[in-house]
């Protein structure tokens, strides 16, 4: 490796500034995960593994990924990376629809139940994704179809978790089927 292509800080100038930020962000995220894992009780459960085991593994792997990303940047940036596709700027209108779906789901899940809140999330997110592709958001019939598809996806998920896995999810009725 020749040193004439390195700048004063020892990095190659052919990487984008965001590439180094991704590695640093991964390490910061791993530290946040490790902090959270440290607050989980470590009482050994089944097979001697406590509830803090998986968070520690995820934190360690995230730190390794961050170090590898930084190493990649320090040795020349992401190699053989294609130019990004899509628009040069983000579509904030589409992002607002997707964010509204996610936040609406979080806000309404205990009020209207898992199935309806997830169907609403699906409806709003799909509308935002359509807009991001430059397509129309959808007319009334499309919104009805999206709501039905959202329910067809969320209902079996709800039933699987509540009836077969015994995980309590917020429902609309006390019977547990909706």
C-alpha atoms as a PDB file:
ATOM      1  CA  UNK A   1       0.000   0.000   0.000  1.00  0.00           C
ATOM      2  CA  UNK A   2       1.484   3.326  -0.984  1.00  0.00           C
ATOM      3  CA  UNK A   3       1.363   6.214   1.440  1.00  0.00           C
ATOM      4  CA  UNK A   4       1.202   8.978  -1.175  1.00  0.00           C
ATOM      5  CA  UNK A   5      -2.579   8.645  -1.382  1.00  0.00           C
ATOM      6  CA  UNK A   6      -3.038   9.252   2.373  1.00  0.00           C
ATOM      7  CA  UNK A   7      -3.786  12.723   3.716  1.00  0.00           C
ATOM      8  CA  UNK A   8      -2.278  14.304   6.858  1.00  0.00           C
ATOM      9  CA  UNK A   9      -4.616  12.417   9.220  1.00  0.00           C
ATOM     10  CA  UNK A  10      -3.688   9.050   7.718  1.00  0.00           C
ATOM     11  CA  UNK A  11      -6.998   8.476   5.946  1.00  0.00           C
ATOM     12  CA  UNK A  12      -7.538   8.327   2.255  1.00  0.00           C
ATOM     13  CA  UNK A  13      -9.384  11.316   0.867  1.00  0.00           C
ATOM     14  CA  UNK A  14     -11.542   9.151  -1.429  1.00  0.00           C
ATOM     15  CA  UNK A  15     -14.146   8.314   1.212  1.00  0.00           C
ATOM     16  CA  UNK A  16     -17.303  10.269   1.929  1.00  0.00           C
ATOM     17  CA  UNK A  17     -17.598  11.970   5.354  1.00  0.00           C
ATOM     18  CA  UNK A  18     -20.790  10.054   6.111  1.00  0.00           C
ATOM     19  CA  UNK A  19     -18.953   6.751   5.886  1.00  0.00           C
ATOM     20  CA  UNK A  20     -16.879   7.479   8.980  1.00  0.00           C
ATOM     21  CA  UNK A  21     -19.973   8.772  10.755  1.00  0.00           C
ATOM     22  CA  UNK A  22     -21.709   5.414  10.148  1.00  0.00           C
ATOM     23  CA  UNK A  23     -18.932   3.537  11.938  1.00  0.00           C
ATOM     24  CA  UNK A  24     -18.864   5.969  14.833  1.00  0.00           C
ATOM     25  CA  UNK A  25     -22.673   5.827  15.094  1.00  0.00           C
ATOM     26  CA  UNK A  26     -22.546   2.017  15.228  1.00  0.00           C
ATOM     27  CA  UNK A  27     -20.079   2.158  18.122  1.00  0.00           C
ATOM     28  CA  UNK A  28     -22.175   4.763  19.959  1.00  0.00           C
ATOM     29  CA  UNK A  29     -25.274   2.604  19.445  1.00  0.00           C
ATOM     30  CA  UNK A  30     -23.412  -0.422  20.804  1.00  0.00           C
ATOM     31  CA  UNK A  31     -22.493   1.592  23.901  1.00  0.00           C
ATOM     32  CA  UNK A  32     -26.143   2.571  24.401  1.00  0.00           C
ATOM     33  CA  UNK A  33     -27.155  -1.088  24.016  1.00  0.00           C
ATOM     34  CA  UNK A  34     -24.476  -2.133  26.509  1.00  0.00           C
ATOM     35  CA  UNK A  35     -25.747   0.454  28.990  1.00  0.00           C
ATOM     36  CA  UNK A  36     -29.259  -0.969  28.599  1.00  0.00           C
ATOM     37  CA  UNK A  37     -27.964  -4.534  28.952  1.00  0.00           C
ATOM     38  CA  UNK A  38     -26.175  -3.592  32.168  1.00  0.00           C
ATOM     39  CA  UNK A  39     -29.533  -2.573  33.658  1.00  0.00           C
ATOM     40  CA  UNK A  40     -31.128  -5.959  32.953  1.00  0.00           C
ATOM     41  CA  UNK A  41     -30.920  -8.481  35.790  1.00  0.00           C
ATOM     42  CA  UNK A  42     -28.479 -11.268  35.043  1.00  0.00           C
ATOM     43  CA  UNK A  43     -30.158 -14.056  37.000  1.00  0.00           C
ATOM     44  CA  UNK A  44     -29.490 -17.266  35.118  1.00  0.00           C
ATOM     45  CA  UNK A  45     -32.586 -18.814  33.652  1.00  0.00           C
ATOM     46  CA  UNK A  46     -33.058 -21.793  31.416  1.00  0.00           C
ATOM     47  CA  UNK A  47     -29.744 -23.450  30.496  1.00  0.00           C
ATOM     48  CA  UNK A  48     -27.813 -20.950  32.627  1.00  0.00           C
ATOM     49  CA  UNK A  49     -28.530 -18.029  30.308  1.00  0.00           C
ATOM     50  CA  UNK A  50     -30.097 -14.929  31.813  1.00  0.00           C
ATOM     51  CA  UNK A  51     -32.277 -12.299  30.149  1.00  0.00           C
ATOM     52  CA  UNK A  52     -29.263 -10.034  29.667  1.00  0.00           C
ATOM     53  CA  UNK A  53     -27.412 -12.519  27.430  1.00  0.00           C
ATOM     54  CA  UNK A  54     -28.910 -11.532  24.065  1.00  0.00           C
ATOM     55  CA  UNK A  55     -28.605  -7.745  24.614  1.00  0.00           C
ATOM     56  CA  UNK A  56     -24.907  -8.210  25.457  1.00  0.00           C
ATOM     57  CA  UNK A  57     -24.389 -10.286  22.288  1.00  0.00           C
ATOM     58  CA  UNK A  58     -26.165  -7.681  20.144  1.00  0.00           C
ATOM     59  CA  UNK A  59     -24.092  -4.917  21.740  1.00  0.00           C
ATOM     60  CA  UNK A  60     -20.825  -6.769  21.112  1.00  0.00           C
ATOM     61  CA  UNK A  61     -21.684  -7.562  17.488  1.00  0.00           C
ATOM     62  CA  UNK A  62     -22.735  -3.948  16.888  1.00  0.00           C
ATOM     63  CA  UNK A  63     -19.380  -2.754  18.307  1.00  0.00           C
ATOM     64  CA  UNK A  64     -17.516  -5.175  16.034  1.00  0.00           C
ATOM     65  CA  UNK A  65     -19.488  -3.900  13.045  1.00  0.00           C
ATOM     66  CA  UNK A  66     -18.647  -0.303  14.006  1.00  0.00           C
ATOM     67  CA  UNK A  67     -14.941  -1.092  14.275  1.00  0.00           C
ATOM     68  CA  UNK A  68     -15.018  -2.880  10.915  1.00  0.00           C
ATOM     69  CA  UNK A  69     -16.806   0.075   9.276  1.00  0.00           C
ATOM     70  CA  UNK A  70     -14.213   2.504  10.642  1.00  0.00           C
ATOM     71  CA  UNK A  71     -11.393   0.215   9.501  1.00  0.00           C
ATOM     72  CA  UNK A  72     -12.956   0.112   6.026  1.00  0.00           C
ATOM     73  CA  UNK A  73     -13.067   3.920   5.878  1.00  0.00           C
ATOM     74  CA  UNK A  74      -9.505   4.299   7.189  1.00  0.00           C
ATOM     75  CA  UNK A  75      -8.215   1.976   4.473  1.00  0.00           C
ATOM     76  CA  UNK A  76      -9.877   3.690   1.538  1.00  0.00           C
ATOM     77  CA  UNK A  77     -13.608   4.016   2.001  1.00  0.00           C
ATOM     78  CA  UNK A  78     -16.315   1.598   0.985  1.00  0.00           C
ATOM     79  CA  UNK A  79     -14.921  -0.251  -1.992  1.00  0.00           C
ATOM     80  CA  UNK A  80     -16.895  -1.214  -5.076  1.00  0.00           C
ATOM     81  CA  UNK A  81     -19.896   0.697  -3.812  1.00  0.00           C
ATOM     82  CA  UNK A  82     -22.402   1.628  -6.480  1.00  0.00           C
ATOM     83  CA  UNK A  83     -23.764   5.128  -6.630  1.00  0.00           C
ATOM     84  CA  UNK A  84     -26.984   5.422  -4.632  1.00  0.00           C
ATOM     85  CA  UNK A  85     -30.212   5.181  -6.562  1.00  0.00           C
ATOM     86  CA  UNK A  86     -33.191   7.453  -6.122  1.00  0.00           C
ATOM     87  CA  UNK A  87     -33.574  11.157  -5.717  1.00  0.00           C
ATOM     88  CA  UNK A  88     -30.800  13.408  -4.530  1.00  0.00           C
ATOM     89  CA  UNK A  89     -32.971  14.661  -1.653  1.00  0.00           C
ATOM     90  CA  UNK A  90     -35.330  12.887   0.727  1.00  0.00           C
ATOM     91  CA  UNK A  91     -39.071  12.938   0.162  1.00  0.00           C
ATOM     92  CA  UNK A  92     -40.314  14.491   3.410  1.00  0.00           C
ATOM     93  CA  UNK A  93     -43.961  14.245   2.395  1.00  0.00           C
ATOM     94  CA  UNK A  94     -43.681  10.475   2.009  1.00  0.00           C
ATOM     95  CA  UNK A  95     -41.691  10.196   5.240  1.00  0.00           C
ATOM     96  CA  UNK A  96     -44.451  12.065   7.076  1.00  0.00           C
ATOM     97  CA  UNK A  97     -47.007   9.438   5.990  1.00  0.00           C
ATOM     98  CA  UNK A  98     -44.800   6.539   7.097  1.00  0.00           C
ATOM     99  CA  UNK A  99     -43.950   8.249  10.404  1.00  0.00           C
ATOM    100  CA  UNK A 100     -47.648   8.986  10.994  1.00  0.00           C
ATOM    101  CA  UNK A 101     -48.381   5.281  10.544  1.00  0.00           C
ATOM    102  CA  UNK A 102     -45.742   4.207  13.038  1.00  0.00           C
ATOM    103  CA  UNK A 103     -46.600   6.877  15.612  1.00  0.00           C
ATOM    104  CA  UNK A 104     -50.327   6.275  15.147  1.00  0.00           C
ATOM    105  CA  UNK A 105     -49.807   2.576  15.778  1.00  0.00           C
ATOM    106  CA  UNK A 106     -47.871   3.281  18.959  1.00  0.00           C
ATOM    107  CA  UNK A 107     -50.451   5.802  20.182  1.00  0.00           C
ATOM    108  CA  UNK A 108     -53.572   3.781  19.380  1.00  0.00           C
ATOM    109  CA  UNK A 109     -52.579   0.155  19.997  1.00  0.00           C
ATOM    110  CA  UNK A 110     -53.969   0.105  23.550  1.00  0.00           C
ATOM    111  CA  UNK A 111     -57.088   2.064  22.551  1.00  0.00           C
ATOM    112  CA  UNK A 112     -58.309   0.365  19.377  1.00  0.00           C
ATOM    113  CA  UNK A 113     -56.369  -2.890  19.676  1.00  0.00           C
ATOM    114  CA  UNK A 114     -53.491  -4.535  17.860  1.00  0.00           C
ATOM    115  CA  UNK A 115     -55.302  -5.497  14.654  1.00  0.00           C
ATOM    116  CA  UNK A 116     -56.859  -2.119  13.883  1.00  0.00           C
ATOM    117  CA  UNK A 117     -53.790  -0.104  14.888  1.00  0.00           C
ATOM    118  CA  UNK A 118     -51.508  -2.285  12.758  1.00  0.00           C
ATOM    119  CA  UNK A 119     -53.936  -2.061   9.833  1.00  0.00           C
ATOM    120  CA  UNK A 120     -53.862   1.739  10.169  1.00  0.00           C
ATOM    121  CA  UNK A 121     -50.065   1.671  10.303  1.00  0.00           C
ATOM    122  CA  UNK A 122     -49.988  -0.434   7.128  1.00  0.00           C
ATOM    123  CA  UNK A 123     -52.465   1.841   5.346  1.00  0.00           C
ATOM    124  CA  UNK A 124     -50.509   5.019   6.106  1.00  0.00           C
ATOM    125  CA  UNK A 125     -47.072   3.495   5.456  1.00  0.00           C
ATOM    126  CA  UNK A 126     -48.111   2.046   2.091  1.00  0.00           C
ATOM    127  CA  UNK A 127     -49.543   5.423   1.101  1.00  0.00           C
ATOM    128  CA  UNK A 128     -46.225   7.066   1.967  1.00  0.00           C
ATOM    129  CA  UNK A 129     -44.249   4.445   0.043  1.00  0.00           C
ATOM    130  CA  UNK A 130     -46.447   4.964  -3.023  1.00  0.00           C
ATOM    131  CA  UNK A 131     -45.886   8.722  -2.822  1.00  0.00           C
ATOM    132  CA  UNK A 132     -42.123   8.168  -2.496  1.00  0.00           C
ATOM    133  CA  UNK A 133     -42.185   6.295  -5.809  1.00  0.00           C
ATOM    134  CA  UNK A 134     -43.951   9.216  -7.498  1.00  0.00           C
ATOM    135  CA  UNK A 135     -47.264   7.359  -7.725  1.00  0.00           C
ATOM    136  CA  UNK A 136     -50.573   8.750  -6.505  1.00  0.00           C
ATOM    137  CA  UNK A 137     -51.301   8.023  -2.836  1.00  0.00           C
ATOM    138  CA  UNK A 138     -54.531   6.261  -3.696  1.00  0.00           C
ATOM    139  CA  UNK A 139     -58.220   6.934  -4.006  1.00  0.00           C
ATOM    140  CA  UNK A 140     -60.946   5.751  -1.634  1.00  0.00           C
ATOM    141  CA  UNK A 141     -61.040   2.225  -3.081  1.00  0.00           C
ATOM    142  CA  UNK A 142     -57.266   1.910  -2.725  1.00  0.00           C
ATOM    143  CA  UNK A 143     -57.472   3.020   0.896  1.00  0.00           C
ATOM    144  CA  UNK A 144     -60.154   0.398   1.581  1.00  0.00           C
ATOM    145  CA  UNK A 145     -58.010  -2.286  -0.104  1.00  0.00           C
ATOM    146  CA  UNK A 146     -54.985  -1.227   1.953  1.00  0.00           C
ATOM    147  CA  UNK A 147     -57.028  -1.364   5.168  1.00  0.00           C
ATOM    148  CA  UNK A 148     -58.288  -4.865   4.322  1.00  0.00           C
ATOM    149  CA  UNK A 149     -54.787  -6.082   3.459  1.00  0.00           C
ATOM    150  CA  UNK A 150     -53.494  -4.555   6.702  1.00  0.00           C
ATOM    151  CA  UNK A 151     -56.122  -6.483   8.661  1.00  0.00           C
ATOM    152  CA  UNK A 152     -55.389  -9.678   6.734  1.00  0.00           C
ATOM    153  CA  UNK A 153     -51.755  -9.354   7.784  1.00  0.00           C
ATOM    154  CA  UNK A 154     -52.266  -8.208  11.381  1.00  0.00           C
ATOM    155  CA  UNK A 155     -55.128 -10.549  12.372  1.00  0.00           C
ATOM    156  CA  UNK A 156     -53.207 -13.816  11.869  1.00  0.00           C
ATOM    157  CA  UNK A 157     -50.193 -12.227  13.555  1.00  0.00           C
ATOM    158  CA  UNK A 158     -52.337 -11.258  16.549  1.00  0.00           C
ATOM    159  CA  UNK A 159     -53.910 -14.700  16.773  1.00  0.00           C
ATOM    160  CA  UNK A 160     -50.553 -16.439  16.427  1.00  0.00           C
ATOM    161  CA  UNK A 161     -49.024 -14.433  19.259  1.00  0.00           C
ATOM    162  CA  UNK A 162     -52.022 -14.496  21.607  1.00  0.00           C
ATOM    163  CA  UNK A 163     -53.418 -17.993  21.021  1.00  0.00           C
ATOM    164  CA  UNK A 164     -50.355 -20.049  20.168  1.00  0.00           C
ATOM    165  CA  UNK A 165     -47.458 -18.247  21.835  1.00  0.00           C
ATOM    166  CA  UNK A 166     -49.429 -16.895  24.818  1.00  0.00           C
ATOM    167  CA  UNK A 167     -48.066 -13.377  24.372  1.00  0.00           C
ATOM    168  CA  UNK A 168     -50.477 -10.731  25.605  1.00  0.00           C
ATOM    169  CA  UNK A 169     -51.174  -8.142  22.914  1.00  0.00           C
ATOM    170  CA  UNK A 170     -53.792  -5.418  23.336  1.00  0.00           C
ATOM    171  CA  UNK A 171     -57.100  -6.499  21.859  1.00  0.00           C
ATOM    172  CA  UNK A 172     -60.343  -4.706  21.149  1.00  0.00           C
ATOM    173  CA  UNK A 173     -62.546  -7.280  22.875  1.00  0.00           C
ATOM    174  CA  UNK A 174     -62.123  -9.206  26.081  1.00  0.00           C
ATOM    175  CA  UNK A 175     -62.626 -12.519  24.218  1.00  0.00           C
ATOM    176  CA  UNK A 176     -59.202 -12.221  22.667  1.00  0.00           C
ATOM    177  CA  UNK A 177     -60.081 -12.822  19.024  1.00  0.00           C
ATOM    178  CA  UNK A 178     -60.081  -9.187  17.902  1.00  0.00           C
END
